[in-house]
Amino acid sequence: MQSVKQQQILGYFIEEAKEHLDTIEQGLVDLKSTMADAERVNELFRAAHSIKGGAAMLGFDSIQKTAHHFEDCFKILKEHSIKVDQRVEDLFLTGFDTLKALIVELQSPFGLREEAAQQAVLAAEPTFNELQKYFQVLLSGGTSGSGTMPTAAKGKSASTLPANAAAQINAILKAMLQLFKQGDSPKSRQQLIALCNRLIQVSPTAKPWVVVVQMAQRAISAERNSEGIAVHNTYATIAPVLIRDLKQASDLLLAGRTAEITASANLQKLVAPATTLRSAPAPQPARASTPKQVSIPLEPRAAARTLLEVFNKSQLIEIAEFLMKAIQ
């Protein structure tokens, strides 16, 4: 019975932690906007604090330590007016990948293996140390441009990869794979596009790399089919192509062979314009016709039934996409 109870408590912790992770990730993806709203910064602090407390209660030392790092950093953001730049965002997001990976690992068949978890925490330590030092630089009036910078960052040219580039890329690709597995939704597509932006920031001056990642973004948001109806590429179609292309491109990037990076034929097809996919022009009507009118009941369920009876699957997807955009 105790084992069952422990599993229930663990399940509650994971579900709550995932909600807190969403809060943190949404705040970090556009940290500059988040900093303009004191309550959102407080939300980030509370989310990290809650994960830390839950992990401490359950004995997950690695998660507790990582969440504590975030809590300390968010406390600085709460108490000081820091001008957030790309470097701050990148360091935060790199640390976030570690925290998210640890919590995701809890759901694996073997659970969170402490030895591997501690190694992940040790690997993340330099990132949080660098972030803390960089906060000191910003608070003292330094900048990420030509002004004062942390010692670790001095002497880097614009084309030099970060020291943890491989870890960043692998973490991002794993996060993309998890999103693909979770199923299609407007939110997950936005998150995938945001992850692509993070891939670009790993080496924003490597043009072939940027081009391939931008094509991946277009494949995620592309809308087309052979009849010209606006339908998203399905995850089943784009996932294997994107993961393979991005992995091959990242391997070349890390090996210093940037000039060899190119998009595969399959990726190019995913972003091809709809007109190139049609075998023949759509027939033109002989005369103008009045669009068919449909009466929609005010009661939501009845309205949904009416739509299901009148429109096909592709049309319903288009309607749903329009409504999602309208209410955002």
Protein backbone atom coordinates (compact mmCIF):
# COMPACT_ATOMS: atom_id res chain seq x y z
CA MET A 1 0.00 0.00 0.00
CA GLN A 2 2.85 2.35 0.85
CA SER A 3 4.34 1.77 -2.60
CA VAL A 4 1.05 2.68 -4.25
CA LYS A 5 0.79 5.80 -2.11
CA GLN A 6 4.34 6.79 -3.03
CA GLN A 7 3.53 6.36 -6.71
CA GLN A 8 0.51 8.61 -6.30
CA ILE A 9 2.59 11.30 -4.58
CA LEU A 10 5.22 11.03 -7.30
CA GLY A 11 2.51 11.36 -9.94
CA TYR A 12 1.17 14.50 -8.28
CA PHE A 13 4.68 15.98 -8.12
CA ILE A 14 5.36 15.26 -11.80
CA GLU A 15 2.09 16.81 -12.93
CA GLU A 16 2.63 19.93 -10.84
CA ALA A 17 6.28 20.15 -11.88
CA LYS A 18 5.30 20.00 -15.56
CA GLU A 19 2.92 22.91 -15.04
CA HIS A 20 5.68 24.87 -13.33
CA LEU A 21 8.05 23.99 -16.17
CA ASP A 22 5.55 25.41 -18.67
CA THR A 23 5.38 28.62 -16.64
CA ILE A 24 9.16 28.91 -16.55
CA GLU A 25 9.62 28.08 -20.23
CA GLN A 26 6.99 30.57 -21.36
CA GLY A 27 8.65 33.25 -19.28
CA LEU A 28 12.14 32.45 -20.57
CA VAL A 29 11.31 32.20 -24.27
CA ASP A 30 10.66 35.95 -24.31
CA LEU A 31 12.39 37.05 -21.13
CA LYS A 32 12.60 40.68 -22.20
CA SER A 33 8.80 40.93 -22.22
CA THR A 34 8.56 38.96 -19.00
CA MET A 35 10.85 41.46 -17.25
CA ALA A 36 8.39 44.24 -18.07
CA ASP A 37 5.77 42.54 -15.87
CA ALA A 38 6.77 42.18 -12.20
CA GLU A 39 4.03 39.63 -11.55
CA ARG A 40 5.32 37.35 -14.30
CA VAL A 41 8.79 37.47 -12.78
CA ASN A 42 7.21 36.56 -9.43
CA GLU A 43 5.51 33.62 -11.13
CA LEU A 44 8.86 32.34 -12.37
CA PHE A 45 10.29 32.60 -8.85
CA ARG A 46 7.31 30.79 -7.32
CA ALA A 47 7.44 28.04 -9.96
CA ALA A 48 11.12 27.36 -9.27
CA HIS A 49 10.50 27.51 -5.51
CA SER A 50 7.64 24.99 -5.77
CA ILE A 51 9.72 22.53 -7.81
CA LYS A 52 12.58 22.88 -5.31
CA GLY A 53 10.29 22.23 -2.34
CA GLY A 54 8.59 19.22 -3.90
CA ALA A 55 11.89 17.69 -4.96
CA ALA A 56 13.34 18.18 -1.47
CA MET A 57 10.33 16.46 0.09
CA LEU A 58 10.69 13.45 -2.21
CA GLY A 59 14.46 13.27 -1.94
CA PHE A 60 15.33 14.23 -5.53
CA ASP A 61 18.53 16.08 -4.69
CA SER A 62 19.50 16.77 -8.30
CA ILE A 63 16.18 18.42 -9.13
CA GLN A 64 16.24 20.37 -5.87
CA LYS A 65 19.71 21.78 -6.60
CA THR A 66 18.86 22.75 -10.16
CA ALA A 67 15.57 24.38 -9.18
CA HIS A 68 17.42 26.20 -6.38
CA HIS A 69 19.77 27.72 -8.98
CA PHE A 70 16.74 29.04 -10.86
CA GLU A 71 15.20 30.36 -7.67
CA ASP A 72 18.39 32.30 -6.88
CA CYS A 73 18.57 33.73 -10.40
CA PHE A 74 14.90 34.72 -10.47
CA LYS A 75 15.36 36.38 -7.10
CA ILE A 76 18.01 38.62 -8.68
CA LEU A 77 15.59 39.50 -11.48
CA LYS A 78 12.93 40.32 -8.89
CA GLU A 79 15.15 42.59 -6.85
CA HIS A 80 17.16 44.34 -9.56
CA SER A 81 16.40 46.09 -12.81
CA ILE A 82 18.52 44.08 -15.23
CA LYS A 83 18.53 44.77 -18.95
CA VAL A 84 18.09 41.27 -20.35
CA ASP A 85 19.98 40.45 -23.52
CA GLN A 86 20.39 37.38 -25.72
CA ARG A 87 23.22 36.04 -23.60
CA VAL A 88 21.06 36.01 -20.47
CA GLU A 89 18.23 34.26 -22.33
CA ASP A 90 20.57 31.62 -23.77
CA LEU A 91 22.13 30.82 -20.40
CA PHE A 92 18.72 30.56 -18.74
CA LEU A 93 17.39 28.29 -21.48
CA THR A 94 20.46 26.05 -21.35
CA GLY A 95 19.95 25.61 -17.61
CA PHE A 96 16.25 25.03 -18.19
CA ASP A 97 17.03 22.10 -20.50
CA THR A 98 18.73 20.36 -17.58
CA LEU A 99 15.84 20.93 -15.18
CA LYS A 100 13.28 19.75 -17.73
CA ALA A 101 15.34 16.67 -18.65
CA LEU A 102 15.59 15.63 -14.98
CA ILE A 103 11.84 15.87 -14.46
CA VAL A 104 11.08 14.07 -17.73
CA GLU A 105 13.44 11.30 -16.63
CA LEU A 106 11.21 10.68 -13.60
CA GLN A 107 8.57 9.32 -16.00
CA SER A 108 10.92 6.86 -17.68
CA PRO A 109 10.63 3.11 -16.94
CA PHE A 110 13.75 3.23 -14.74
CA GLY A 111 12.94 6.51 -13.07
CA LEU A 112 15.53 9.14 -12.19
CA ARG A 113 18.89 7.40 -11.83
CA GLU A 114 20.80 9.37 -9.23
CA GLU A 115 24.28 8.87 -10.68
CA ALA A 116 23.26 10.14 -14.12
CA ALA A 117 21.23 12.91 -12.52
CA GLN A 118 24.19 14.15 -10.50
CA GLN A 119 26.35 14.15 -13.62
CA ALA A 120 23.73 16.32 -15.34
CA VAL A 121 23.74 18.72 -12.38
CA LEU A 122 27.54 18.96 -12.45
CA ALA A 123 27.45 19.61 -16.20
CA ALA A 124 24.97 22.45 -15.64
CA GLU A 125 26.95 24.12 -12.85
CA PRO A 126 29.18 26.17 -15.22
CA THR A 127 26.08 27.57 -16.92
CA PHE A 128 24.56 28.84 -13.67
CA ASN A 129 27.93 30.13 -12.45
CA GLU A 130 28.39 32.02 -15.70
CA LEU A 131 24.87 33.44 -15.43
CA GLN A 132 25.50 34.66 -11.87
CA LYS A 133 28.78 36.28 -12.90
CA TYR A 134 27.16 37.88 -15.91
CA PHE A 135 24.43 39.32 -13.68
CA GLN A 136 27.20 41.00 -11.68
CA VAL A 137 28.63 42.44 -14.89
CA LEU A 138 25.23 43.82 -15.96
CA LEU A 139 24.54 45.24 -12.51
CA SER A 140 27.89 47.02 -12.58
CA GLY A 141 27.05 48.65 -15.90
CA GLY A 142 28.71 46.18 -18.29
CA THR A 143 27.09 44.97 -21.52
CA SER A 144 27.24 41.93 -23.75
CA GLY A 145 28.63 44.01 -26.61
CA SER A 146 31.91 45.85 -26.51
CA GLY A 147 31.70 46.50 -22.77
CA THR A 148 32.86 44.36 -19.86
CA MET A 149 32.18 40.65 -20.19
CA PRO A 150 32.86 37.56 -18.08
CA THR A 151 36.34 36.14 -18.54
CA ALA A 152 34.98 32.97 -20.11
CA ALA A 153 33.41 35.00 -22.90
CA LYS A 154 36.37 37.27 -23.70
CA GLY A 155 38.21 36.70 -26.92
CA LYS A 156 35.38 34.85 -28.63
CA SER A 157 34.78 35.77 -32.22
CA ALA A 158 31.26 35.98 -33.63
CA SER A 159 31.70 32.65 -35.42
CA THR A 160 33.03 30.70 -32.41
CA LEU A 161 30.65 28.10 -31.03
CA PRO A 162 29.81 28.19 -27.31
CA ALA A 163 31.75 25.72 -25.19
CA ASN A 164 28.57 23.76 -24.49
CA ALA A 165 27.21 23.93 -28.05
CA ALA A 166 26.93 20.16 -28.38
CA ALA A 167 25.03 19.86 -25.10
CA GLN A 168 22.71 22.72 -26.09
CA ILE A 169 21.89 21.19 -29.46
CA ASN A 170 21.34 17.69 -28.09
CA ALA A 171 19.05 19.01 -25.37
CA ILE A 172 17.02 21.02 -27.86
CA LEU A 173 16.68 18.08 -30.29
CA LYS A 174 15.53 15.85 -27.40
CA ALA A 175 12.96 18.48 -26.41
CA MET A 176 11.70 18.62 -30.01
CA LEU A 177 11.39 14.84 -30.11
CA GLN A 178 9.37 14.88 -26.88
CA LEU A 179 7.01 17.48 -28.33
CA PHE A 180 6.50 15.40 -31.46
CA LYS A 181 5.67 12.38 -29.27
CA GLN A 182 3.16 14.35 -27.19
CA GLY A 183 0.95 15.00 -30.20
CA ASP A 184 -0.04 17.88 -32.43
CA SER A 185 -1.41 21.12 -31.00
CA PRO A 186 -1.02 24.85 -31.73
CA LYS A 187 0.92 25.22 -28.49
CA SER A 188 3.40 22.46 -29.32
CA ARG A 189 3.97 23.93 -32.80
CA GLN A 190 4.77 27.31 -31.20
CA GLN A 191 7.17 25.57 -28.83
CA LEU A 192 8.84 23.74 -31.72
CA ILE A 193 9.35 27.02 -33.57
CA ALA A 194 10.77 28.57 -30.38
CA LEU A 195 13.20 25.64 -30.07
CA CYS A 196 14.31 26.26 -33.66
CA ASN A 197 15.06 29.86 -32.68
CA ARG A 198 17.26 28.53 -29.90
CA LEU A 199 19.10 26.31 -32.40
CA ILE A 200 19.77 29.35 -34.57
CA GLN A 201 21.23 31.22 -31.60
CA VAL A 202 23.82 28.48 -31.10
CA SER A 203 25.56 29.81 -34.23
CA PRO A 204 23.60 32.73 -35.72
CA THR A 205 26.40 33.70 -38.13
CA ALA A 206 26.68 30.26 -39.76
CA LYS A 207 24.40 30.92 -42.74
CA PRO A 208 23.98 27.32 -44.01
CA TRP A 209 23.03 26.25 -40.48
CA VAL A 210 20.55 29.11 -40.11
CA VAL A 211 18.98 28.35 -43.50
CA VAL A 212 18.35 24.69 -42.62
CA VAL A 213 16.85 25.55 -39.23
CA GLN A 214 14.63 28.22 -40.79
CA MET A 215 13.42 25.66 -43.34
CA ALA A 216 12.55 23.39 -40.42
CA GLN A 217 10.50 26.23 -38.94
CA ARG A 218 8.66 26.68 -42.21
CA ALA A 219 7.95 22.95 -42.39
CA ILE A 220 6.42 23.10 -38.91
CA SER A 221 4.15 26.01 -39.85
CA ALA A 222 3.62 25.21 -43.55
CA GLU A 223 0.03 24.77 -44.72
CA ARG A 224 -0.60 22.93 -47.95
CA ASN A 225 -1.85 19.72 -49.55
CA SER A 226 -2.33 18.42 -53.09
CA GLU A 227 -5.76 20.10 -53.37
CA GLY A 228 -4.42 23.43 -52.11
CA ILE A 229 -6.43 23.20 -48.88
CA ALA A 230 -4.72 24.79 -45.87
CA VAL A 231 -3.63 21.82 -43.76
CA HIS A 232 -0.55 21.56 -41.57
CA ASN A 233 2.10 18.97 -42.31
CA THR A 234 1.43 16.18 -39.82
CA TYR A 235 3.94 15.36 -37.11
CA ALA A 236 4.26 11.85 -38.53
CA THR A 237 5.46 13.42 -41.78
CA ILE A 238 7.75 16.14 -40.52
CA ALA A 239 9.23 14.61 -37.33
CA PRO A 240 11.60 12.06 -38.93
CA VAL A 241 12.71 14.50 -41.62
CA LEU A 242 13.35 17.42 -39.26
CA ILE A 243 15.14 15.43 -36.58
CA ARG A 244 17.38 13.72 -39.16
CA ASP A 245 18.20 16.94 -41.04
CA LEU A 246 18.87 18.95 -37.90
CA LYS A 247 21.04 16.19 -36.43
CA GLN A 248 23.11 15.89 -39.61
CA ALA A 249 23.43 19.67 -39.86
CA SER A 250 24.48 19.98 -36.21
CA ASP A 251 27.11 17.25 -36.61
CA LEU A 252 28.65 19.19 -39.50
CA LEU A 253 28.40 22.47 -37.56
CA LEU A 254 30.19 21.00 -34.55
CA ALA A 255 32.84 19.46 -36.79
CA GLY A 256 33.60 22.86 -38.34
CA ARG A 257 32.25 21.78 -41.75
CA THR A 258 29.54 24.43 -41.97
CA ALA A 259 29.91 24.86 -45.75
CA GLU A 260 28.70 21.25 -46.23
CA ILE A 261 25.39 21.85 -44.45
CA THR A 262 22.42 21.60 -46.80
CA ALA A 263 18.73 20.71 -46.62
CA SER A 264 17.70 17.26 -47.80
CA ALA A 265 15.29 16.78 -50.69
CA ASN A 266 12.61 15.64 -48.22
CA LEU A 267 12.93 18.83 -46.18
CA GLN A 268 12.74 20.93 -49.34
CA LYS A 269 9.52 19.14 -50.32
CA LEU A 270 7.96 19.94 -46.94
CA VAL A 271 8.39 23.66 -47.52
CA ALA A 272 7.53 23.64 -51.24
CA PRO A 273 4.74 26.09 -52.19
CA ALA A 274 1.30 24.56 -52.60
CA THR A 275 1.22 25.45 -56.30
CA THR A 276 4.13 23.12 -57.04
CA LEU A 277 2.19 20.17 -55.63
CA ARG A 278 -0.87 20.44 -57.85
CA SER A 279 -0.92 18.24 -60.93
CA ALA A 280 -3.32 20.53 -62.77
CA PRO A 281 -4.94 23.93 -62.28
CA ALA A 282 -8.16 23.88 -60.35
CA PRO A 283 -11.17 24.07 -62.72
CA GLN A 284 -12.88 27.48 -62.87
CA PRO A 285 -16.64 27.62 -62.29
CA ALA A 286 -18.77 28.42 -65.32
CA ARG A 287 -20.56 31.18 -63.46
CA ALA A 288 -20.43 32.87 -60.14
CA SER A 289 -22.42 31.10 -57.46
CA THR A 290 -23.71 32.22 -54.09
CA PRO A 291 -21.85 30.58 -51.17
CA LYS A 292 -23.91 28.04 -49.29
CA GLN A 293 -25.36 29.43 -46.07
CA VAL A 294 -25.41 27.41 -42.85
CA SER A 295 -27.37 28.21 -39.70
CA ILE A 296 -25.27 27.67 -36.57
CA PRO A 297 -27.11 27.10 -33.24
CA LEU A 298 -26.02 29.22 -30.27
CA GLU A 299 -25.55 26.20 -27.98
CA PRO A 300 -21.86 25.13 -28.32
CA ARG A 301 -22.43 21.35 -28.59
CA ALA A 302 -25.19 21.79 -31.13
CA ALA A 303 -22.99 24.19 -33.09
CA ALA A 304 -20.19 21.61 -33.11
CA ARG A 305 -22.54 18.89 -34.39
CA THR A 306 -23.71 21.17 -37.20
CA LEU A 307 -20.14 21.89 -38.27
CA LEU A 308 -19.30 18.17 -38.25
CA GLU A 309 -22.28 17.45 -40.50
CA VAL A 310 -21.55 20.22 -43.01
CA PHE A 311 -17.75 20.30 -43.36
CA ASN A 312 -15.14 17.68 -44.15
CA LYS A 313 -12.04 17.01 -42.04
CA SER A 314 -9.75 19.40 -43.93
CA GLN A 315 -12.29 22.21 -43.71
CA LEU A 316 -12.79 21.60 -39.99
CA ILE A 317 -9.03 21.84 -39.40
CA GLU A 318 -8.96 25.15 -41.27
CA ILE A 319 -11.88 26.46 -39.19
CA ALA A 320 -10.20 25.35 -35.95
CA GLU A 321 -6.95 27.09 -36.92
CA PHE A 322 -8.82 30.30 -37.71
CA LEU A 323 -10.64 30.20 -34.37
CA MET A 324 -7.42 29.55 -32.44
CA LYS A 325 -5.78 32.58 -34.06
CA ALA A 326 -8.84 34.72 -33.41
CA ILE A 327 -9.01 34.00 -29.65
CA GLN A 328 -5.28 34.36 -28.97
